[in-house]
Structure formats: C-alpha cells, structure tokens
Amino acid sequence: MSRVVPPAIPAGLEGLLGRFIEEMQGDLARLLALAESGDDGLAEHLHAMRGKCAMFGEDILFAELSAIEAGGRPDSLQLAAISARVAELASLRDTPGS
C-alpha cells in the first residue's frame, strides 16, 4: 500500500487539517452535483475550491482543479482523480499521529 502524500500545510494551519478535509468533502459533493447538472455555477465553484487548495498547500488537488478550470468542464477521469484524492485526504484524518 502506498503512503498518502499529505498537503504541504503552511505554518500555523496544521491544526486545521480535519476542517480542510471536511471542506473538501463538501466541495467535492457540490462539484459532482454541478458537473452532473451542467449548472453555470461550476466555474465559480471550481475557482473557489482551487483557491482553498492553494491556501492550504494541497498541490495535487490544485493541479487537477487548475486543469479543469483551464479546459472548461470536467470529464469523468478528472472527477475520478479529484474524488480519489479527497478520499486519500480523508484517510489522513484516521491515521495515528496525523
């Protein structure tokens, strides 16, 4: 089993990992719903989600979200990659010593 790469959390924000993960789980659910419905709010949501990732040092999601934002609408592979990364982050919350 490979080790999950944690975000490069900026100094002073280390205690907020759990809250960040909760935010990403909620944001993922909204992202999937917006992508499914074709809602015009998708671009704004992508941008906000990407900004949270940038501020928290989550480079992996930031890169995925940036690629979608540059290309318009997400495809199923991009959504799967984002879903997988959010699941990886959630596993950090359950790891002793994290």
C-alpha atoms as a PDB file:
ATOM      1  CA  MET A   1       0.000   0.000   0.000  1.00  0.00           C
ATOM      2  CA  SER A   2       1.415   3.393  -0.950  1.00  0.00           C
ATOM      3  CA  ARG A   3       1.746   6.222   1.504  1.00  0.00           C
ATOM      4  CA  VAL A   4      -0.674   9.128   1.106  1.00  0.00           C
ATOM      5  CA  VAL A   5       1.114  12.388   0.406  1.00  0.00           C
ATOM      6  CA  PRO A   6      -0.256  14.997   2.810  1.00  0.00           C
ATOM      7  CA  PRO A   7      -0.719  18.616   1.783  1.00  0.00           C
ATOM      8  CA  ALA A   8       2.205  20.978   2.394  1.00  0.00           C
ATOM      9  CA  ILE A   9       0.298  22.779   5.133  1.00  0.00           C
ATOM     10  CA  PRO A  10       1.569  26.322   5.776  1.00  0.00           C
ATOM     11  CA  ALA A  11       2.901  27.051   9.257  1.00  0.00           C
ATOM     12  CA  GLY A  12       0.125  27.886  11.672  1.00  0.00           C
ATOM     13  CA  LEU A  13      -2.561  25.944   9.801  1.00  0.00           C
ATOM     14  CA  GLU A  14      -1.506  22.427  10.855  1.00  0.00           C
ATOM     15  CA  GLY A  15      -4.370  22.125  13.332  1.00  0.00           C
ATOM     16  CA  LEU A  16      -6.914  22.772  10.589  1.00  0.00           C
ATOM     17  CA  LEU A  17      -6.306  19.624   8.529  1.00  0.00           C
ATOM     18  CA  GLY A  18      -9.542  17.992   9.707  1.00  0.00           C
ATOM     19  CA  ARG A  19     -11.576  21.076   8.849  1.00  0.00           C
ATOM     20  CA  PHE A  20      -9.895  21.362   5.443  1.00  0.00           C
ATOM     21  CA  ILE A  21     -10.728  17.718   4.699  1.00  0.00           C
ATOM     22  CA  GLU A  22     -14.365  18.288   5.684  1.00  0.00           C
ATOM     23  CA  GLU A  23     -14.460  21.323   3.387  1.00  0.00           C
ATOM     24  CA  MET A  24     -13.030  19.296   0.506  1.00  0.00           C
ATOM     25  CA  GLN A  25     -15.565  16.508   1.044  1.00  0.00           C
ATOM     26  CA  GLY A  26     -18.411  19.023   0.918  1.00  0.00           C
ATOM     27  CA  ASP A  27     -16.862  20.807  -2.040  1.00  0.00           C
ATOM     28  CA  LEU A  28     -16.458  17.505  -3.878  1.00  0.00           C
ATOM     29  CA  ALA A  29     -20.136  16.657  -3.404  1.00  0.00           C
ATOM     30  CA  ARG A  30     -21.104  20.067  -4.777  1.00  0.00           C
ATOM     31  CA  LEU A  31     -18.620  19.763  -7.655  1.00  0.00           C
ATOM     32  CA  LEU A  32     -20.072  16.410  -8.683  1.00  0.00           C
ATOM     33  CA  ALA A  33     -23.624  17.769  -8.499  1.00  0.00           C
ATOM     34  CA  LEU A  34     -22.735  20.853 -10.546  1.00  0.00           C
ATOM     35  CA  ALA A  35     -20.904  18.767 -13.146  1.00  0.00           C
ATOM     36  CA  GLU A  36     -23.859  16.392 -13.421  1.00  0.00           C
ATOM     37  CA  SER A  37     -26.432  19.156 -13.789  1.00  0.00           C
ATOM     38  CA  GLY A  38     -24.399  21.381 -16.104  1.00  0.00           C
ATOM     39  CA  ASP A  39     -25.032  24.297 -13.736  1.00  0.00           C
ATOM     40  CA  ASP A  40     -23.392  27.606 -14.628  1.00  0.00           C
ATOM     41  CA  GLY A  41     -22.058  27.832 -11.056  1.00  0.00           C
ATOM     42  CA  LEU A  42     -19.464  25.168 -11.844  1.00  0.00           C
ATOM     43  CA  ALA A  43     -16.724  27.610 -12.889  1.00  0.00           C
ATOM     44  CA  GLU A  44     -17.160  29.716  -9.757  1.00  0.00           C
ATOM     45  CA  HIS A  45     -17.136  26.622  -7.538  1.00  0.00           C
ATOM     46  CA  LEU A  46     -14.005  25.257  -9.235  1.00  0.00           C
ATOM     47  CA  HIS A  47     -12.256  28.565  -8.704  1.00  0.00           C
ATOM     48  CA  ALA A  48     -13.200  28.736  -5.016  1.00  0.00           C
ATOM     49  CA  MET A  49     -12.199  25.124  -4.403  1.00  0.00           C
ATOM     50  CA  ARG A  50      -8.885  25.683  -6.182  1.00  0.00           C
ATOM     51  CA  GLY A  51      -8.220  28.752  -4.040  1.00  0.00           C
ATOM     52  CA  LYS A  52      -8.764  26.783  -0.826  1.00  0.00           C
ATOM     53  CA  CYS A  53      -6.307  24.166  -2.044  1.00  0.00           C
ATOM     54  CA  ALA A  54      -3.713  26.825  -2.864  1.00  0.00           C
ATOM     55  CA  MET A  55      -4.023  28.440   0.565  1.00  0.00           C
ATOM     56  CA  PHE A  56      -3.727  25.087   2.331  1.00  0.00           C
ATOM     57  CA  GLY A  57      -0.803  23.759   0.284  1.00  0.00           C
ATOM     58  CA  GLU A  58      -2.820  20.988  -1.379  1.00  0.00           C
ATOM     59  CA  ASP A  59      -0.868  20.916  -4.641  1.00  0.00           C
ATOM     60  CA  ILE A  60      -2.348  17.697  -6.036  1.00  0.00           C
ATOM     61  CA  LEU A  61      -5.962  18.888  -5.995  1.00  0.00           C
ATOM     62  CA  PHE A  62      -4.835  22.363  -7.024  1.00  0.00           C
ATOM     63  CA  ALA A  63      -3.278  20.935 -10.200  1.00  0.00           C
ATOM     64  CA  GLU A  64      -6.343  18.819 -11.023  1.00  0.00           C
ATOM     65  CA  LEU A  65      -8.713  21.730 -10.453  1.00  0.00           C
ATOM     66  CA  SER A  66      -6.491  24.100 -12.447  1.00  0.00           C
ATOM     67  CA  ALA A  67      -6.571  21.739 -15.428  1.00  0.00           C
ATOM     68  CA  ILE A  68     -10.359  21.639 -15.311  1.00  0.00           C
ATOM     69  CA  GLU A  69     -10.648  25.387 -14.877  1.00  0.00           C
ATOM     70  CA  ALA A  70      -8.421  25.912 -17.925  1.00  0.00           C
ATOM     71  CA  GLY A  71     -10.413  23.463 -20.020  1.00  0.00           C
ATOM     72  CA  GLY A  72     -13.946  24.315 -19.024  1.00  0.00           C
ATOM     73  CA  ARG A  73     -15.984  21.320 -17.977  1.00  0.00           C
ATOM     74  CA  PRO A  74     -14.556  18.296 -16.136  1.00  0.00           C
ATOM     75  CA  ASP A  75     -14.558  14.852 -17.696  1.00  0.00           C
ATOM     76  CA  SER A  76     -15.172  11.615 -15.815  1.00  0.00           C
ATOM     77  CA  LEU A  77     -11.446  10.862 -15.408  1.00  0.00           C
ATOM     78  CA  GLN A  78     -10.789  14.267 -13.871  1.00  0.00           C
ATOM     79  CA  LEU A  79     -13.713  13.881 -11.490  1.00  0.00           C
ATOM     80  CA  ALA A  80     -12.489  10.403 -10.541  1.00  0.00           C
ATOM     81  CA  ALA A  81      -8.995  11.760  -9.819  1.00  0.00           C
ATOM     82  CA  ILE A  82     -10.406  14.506  -7.607  1.00  0.00           C
ATOM     83  CA  SER A  83     -12.669  12.041  -5.806  1.00  0.00           C
ATOM     84  CA  ALA A  84      -9.725   9.704  -5.206  1.00  0.00           C
ATOM     85  CA  ARG A  85      -7.557  12.500  -3.833  1.00  0.00           C
ATOM     86  CA  VAL A  86     -10.283  13.686  -1.456  1.00  0.00           C
ATOM     87  CA  ALA A  87     -10.638  10.075  -0.242  1.00  0.00           C
ATOM     88  CA  GLU A  88      -6.861   9.942   0.305  1.00  0.00           C
ATOM     89  CA  LEU A  89      -7.005  13.137   2.324  1.00  0.00           C
ATOM     90  CA  ALA A  90      -9.851  11.716   4.408  1.00  0.00           C
ATOM     91  CA  SER A  91      -7.662   8.715   5.221  1.00  0.00           C
ATOM     92  CA  LEU A  92      -5.093  11.092   6.756  1.00  0.00           C
ATOM     93  CA  ARG A  93      -7.651  12.094   9.341  1.00  0.00           C
ATOM     94  CA  ASP A  94      -7.800   8.486  10.538  1.00  0.00           C
ATOM     95  CA  THR A  95      -4.032   7.940  10.590  1.00  0.00           C
ATOM     96  CA  PRO A  96      -2.422   7.868  14.046  1.00  0.00           C
ATOM     97  CA  GLY A  97      -0.022  10.739  14.536  1.00  0.00           C
ATOM     98  CA  SER A  98      -1.539  12.900  11.843  1.00  0.00           C
END
